[in-house]
Protein backbone atom coordinates (compact mmCIF):
# COMPACT_ATOMS: atom_id res chain seq x y z
CA UNK A 1 64.43 73.44 159.14
CA UNK A 2 63.57 69.83 158.30
CA UNK A 3 65.60 67.87 155.78
CA UNK A 4 62.51 67.63 153.54
CA UNK A 5 62.26 71.42 153.22
CA UNK A 6 66.02 71.74 152.64
CA UNK A 7 65.79 69.18 149.85
CA UNK A 8 62.85 71.04 148.29
CA UNK A 9 64.78 74.32 148.36
CA UNK A 10 67.78 72.67 146.67
CA UNK A 11 65.55 71.13 143.96
CA UNK A 12 63.80 74.45 143.31
CA UNK A 13 67.10 76.34 143.21
CA UNK A 14 68.63 73.88 140.75
CA UNK A 15 65.52 73.96 138.60
CA UNK A 16 65.57 77.74 138.41
CA UNK A 17 69.19 77.71 137.23
CA UNK A 18 68.45 75.66 134.15
CA UNK A 19 67.69 78.78 132.08
CA UNK A 20 65.10 77.06 129.92
CA UNK A 21 67.71 75.44 127.67
CA UNK A 22 66.62 71.92 128.42
CA UNK A 23 64.13 69.48 127.05
CA UNK A 24 61.73 70.89 124.52
CA UNK A 25 63.47 74.20 123.93
CA UNK A 26 64.35 75.47 120.48
CA UNK A 27 67.77 76.66 119.37
CA UNK A 28 68.32 80.42 119.29
CA UNK A 29 68.14 82.41 116.04
CA UNK A 30 65.88 80.19 113.95
CA UNK A 31 66.44 82.46 110.94
CA UNK A 32 70.04 81.25 110.66
CA UNK A 33 70.53 77.62 109.59
CA UNK A 34 74.24 77.73 110.46
CA UNK A 35 73.43 78.87 113.98
CA UNK A 36 70.84 76.10 114.39
CA UNK A 37 73.18 73.28 113.38
CA UNK A 38 76.11 74.77 115.33
CA UNK A 39 74.03 74.79 118.51
CA UNK A 40 72.55 71.34 117.82
CA UNK A 41 75.02 69.23 115.80
CA UNK A 42 72.79 66.20 116.37
CA UNK A 43 70.19 67.92 114.16
CA UNK A 44 72.57 68.11 111.22
CA UNK A 45 73.51 64.43 111.64
CA UNK A 46 69.80 63.49 111.62
CA UNK A 47 69.07 65.71 108.60
CA UNK A 48 71.97 64.27 106.60
CA UNK A 49 70.93 60.72 107.45
CA UNK A 50 67.45 61.40 106.07
CA UNK A 51 68.91 63.08 102.98
CA UNK A 52 71.01 59.97 102.26
CA UNK A 53 68.19 57.51 103.04
CA UNK A 54 65.22 59.23 101.36
CA UNK A 55 66.71 62.02 99.25
CA UNK A 56 64.97 64.84 101.13
CA UNK A 57 67.17 67.95 100.98
CA UNK A 58 68.39 69.15 104.39
CA UNK A 59 67.06 72.71 103.86
CA UNK A 60 63.58 71.36 103.05
CA UNK A 61 63.52 69.30 106.25
CA UNK A 62 64.65 72.30 108.26
CA UNK A 63 62.08 74.64 106.70
CA UNK A 64 59.22 72.21 107.33
CA UNK A 65 60.31 71.61 110.94
CA UNK A 66 60.51 75.38 111.42
CA UNK A 67 56.95 75.77 110.14
CA UNK A 68 55.53 72.82 112.02
CA UNK A 69 57.15 73.13 115.45
CA UNK A 70 59.73 75.95 115.46
CA UNK A 71 62.23 73.21 116.45
CA UNK A 72 60.46 72.65 119.81
CA UNK A 73 60.70 68.92 120.49
CA UNK A 74 57.53 68.62 122.58
CA UNK A 75 55.39 71.10 120.65
CA UNK A 76 51.63 70.46 120.66
CA UNK A 77 48.66 72.12 119.04
CA UNK A 78 46.77 74.65 121.19
CA UNK A 79 43.87 73.70 123.45
CA UNK A 80 40.34 74.34 122.28
CA UNK A 81 37.80 75.87 124.63
CA UNK A 82 34.02 75.65 124.82
CA UNK A 83 32.35 78.96 125.69
CA UNK A 84 35.82 80.47 125.64
CA UNK A 85 36.80 79.02 129.04
CA UNK A 86 36.13 75.26 129.31
CA UNK A 87 39.03 73.19 127.92
CA UNK A 88 37.77 70.48 125.55
CA UNK A 89 41.05 69.07 124.22
CA UNK A 90 43.62 69.99 121.63
CA UNK A 91 43.02 70.91 118.00
CA UNK A 92 44.66 67.64 116.92
CA UNK A 93 46.99 64.90 118.14
CA UNK A 94 49.97 66.50 116.35
CA UNK A 95 53.09 66.38 118.51
CA UNK A 96 56.84 66.88 118.37
CA UNK A 97 59.28 68.26 115.84
CA UNK A 98 57.34 66.90 112.86
CA UNK A 99 53.84 67.48 114.28
CA UNK A 100 52.96 63.91 113.26
CA UNK A 101 49.43 62.82 114.11
CA UNK A 102 48.91 59.79 116.36
CA UNK A 103 47.58 57.55 113.59
CA UNK A 104 50.26 58.42 111.04
CA UNK A 105 52.97 58.02 113.67
CA UNK A 106 51.68 54.55 114.57
CA UNK A 107 51.75 53.63 110.88
CA UNK A 108 55.38 54.83 110.69
CA UNK A 109 56.29 52.86 113.84
CA UNK A 110 54.74 49.70 112.41
CA UNK A 111 56.42 50.03 109.01
CA UNK A 112 59.81 51.62 109.74
CA UNK A 113 60.48 53.25 113.08
CA UNK A 114 59.66 50.56 115.62
CA UNK A 115 57.68 50.90 118.84
CA UNK A 116 60.41 52.89 120.62
CA UNK A 117 60.49 55.71 118.04
CA UNK A 118 59.40 58.99 119.64
CA UNK A 119 58.13 62.16 118.01
CA UNK A 120 60.20 64.32 120.37
CA UNK A 121 63.45 62.68 119.18
CA UNK A 122 65.03 64.53 116.26
CA UNK A 123 66.31 61.33 114.61
CA UNK A 124 62.93 59.60 114.66
CA UNK A 125 61.00 62.76 113.76
CA UNK A 126 63.15 63.50 110.71
CA UNK A 127 63.16 59.85 109.64
CA UNK A 128 59.36 59.97 109.83
CA UNK A 129 59.34 63.06 107.62
CA UNK A 130 61.62 61.41 105.06
CA UNK A 131 59.47 58.26 105.06
CA UNK A 132 56.29 60.31 104.65
CA UNK A 133 57.72 62.51 101.90
CA UNK A 134 59.05 59.49 99.98
CA UNK A 135 55.54 58.00 100.08
CA UNK A 136 54.27 61.35 98.76
CA UNK A 137 56.59 60.95 95.77
CA UNK A 138 55.26 57.43 95.13
CA UNK A 139 51.58 58.31 95.55
CA UNK A 140 51.37 61.79 94.04
CA UNK A 141 54.41 62.18 91.79
CA UNK A 142 55.54 65.34 93.64
CA UNK A 143 59.36 65.40 93.41
CA UNK A 144 61.22 64.97 96.69
CA UNK A 145 62.94 68.36 96.24
CA UNK A 146 59.68 70.27 95.52
CA UNK A 147 59.46 71.83 98.98
CA UNK A 148 56.27 73.80 98.32
CA UNK A 149 54.15 70.88 97.10
CA UNK A 150 55.73 68.41 99.52
CA UNK A 151 54.67 70.77 102.32
CA UNK A 152 51.12 71.04 100.95
CA UNK A 153 50.89 67.22 100.87
CA UNK A 154 52.47 67.02 104.34
CA UNK A 155 49.95 69.46 105.79
CA UNK A 156 46.76 68.27 104.07
CA UNK A 157 47.75 64.63 103.71
CA UNK A 158 48.38 62.90 100.40
CA UNK A 159 44.70 62.22 99.77
CA UNK A 160 43.82 65.83 100.51
CA UNK A 161 46.62 67.01 98.28
CA UNK A 162 45.41 64.86 95.38
CA UNK A 163 41.84 66.10 95.89
CA UNK A 164 43.14 69.67 95.93
CA UNK A 165 41.78 70.59 99.37
CA UNK A 166 44.63 73.10 99.70
CA UNK A 167 43.36 75.14 96.74
CA UNK A 168 40.60 76.69 98.85
CA UNK A 169 43.02 77.59 101.68
CA UNK A 170 44.74 80.82 100.70
CA UNK A 171 46.50 80.91 104.08
CA UNK A 172 48.02 77.46 103.45
CA UNK A 173 49.16 78.40 99.94
CA UNK A 174 50.86 81.47 101.45
CA UNK A 175 52.53 79.38 104.17
CA UNK A 176 53.72 76.77 101.62
CA UNK A 177 55.38 79.63 99.73
CA UNK A 178 57.02 80.81 102.96
CA UNK A 179 58.29 77.28 103.64
CA UNK A 180 59.78 77.14 100.14
CA UNK A 181 61.42 80.57 100.61
CA UNK A 182 62.85 79.51 103.98
CA UNK A 183 64.30 76.33 102.43
CA UNK A 184 66.10 78.46 99.81
CA UNK A 185 67.39 80.77 102.58
CA UNK A 186 68.57 77.83 104.70
CA UNK A 187 70.28 76.27 101.66
CA UNK A 188 72.20 79.49 100.94
CA UNK A 189 73.20 79.83 104.59
CA UNK A 190 74.34 76.20 104.92
CA UNK A 191 76.44 76.55 101.79
CA UNK A 192 78.05 79.74 103.15
CA UNK A 193 79.16 78.03 106.36
CA UNK A 194 80.26 74.81 104.67
CA UNK A 195 77.51 72.58 106.11
CA UNK A 196 75.93 71.74 102.72
């Protein structure tokens, strides 16, 4: 057997042993905030940094990340297909933990994050969310701890929120309520395990 084929077998064997716990994967048990931050202590550090810097409550950040990406760092929107089979691109440019769009992310990089900030990095993604939500406070008057309305403005954009585009989207109103409920659940859990 040539050394090339031996090397390929070793690479494939090592790759199959990774168990899917590497880049992009979510923590286990996303319904338990204590489990999430125990598995990924770097998440809690990032969340607390954003809470201190922008005032966004940790449970709100966690609930929005859950809704947007299920804590998958390289999450993308699904592909769209013409005639049901021909791929024509993704639904949007949303990417990463925060599902930030390309244009909004570039604005964040120019104003706060710097060119090296990446959407698949928990620190940059949560800092982006804090920055965006603080601007929502300034532009719309929605309090930073109003998870439901912050999520509506996050999803539809601040202009869309002010125009009330969300009012005709019963599915989005339902999801915003679920995000708010999850934030309350995460808050209770984090308090019970001493992480709040």
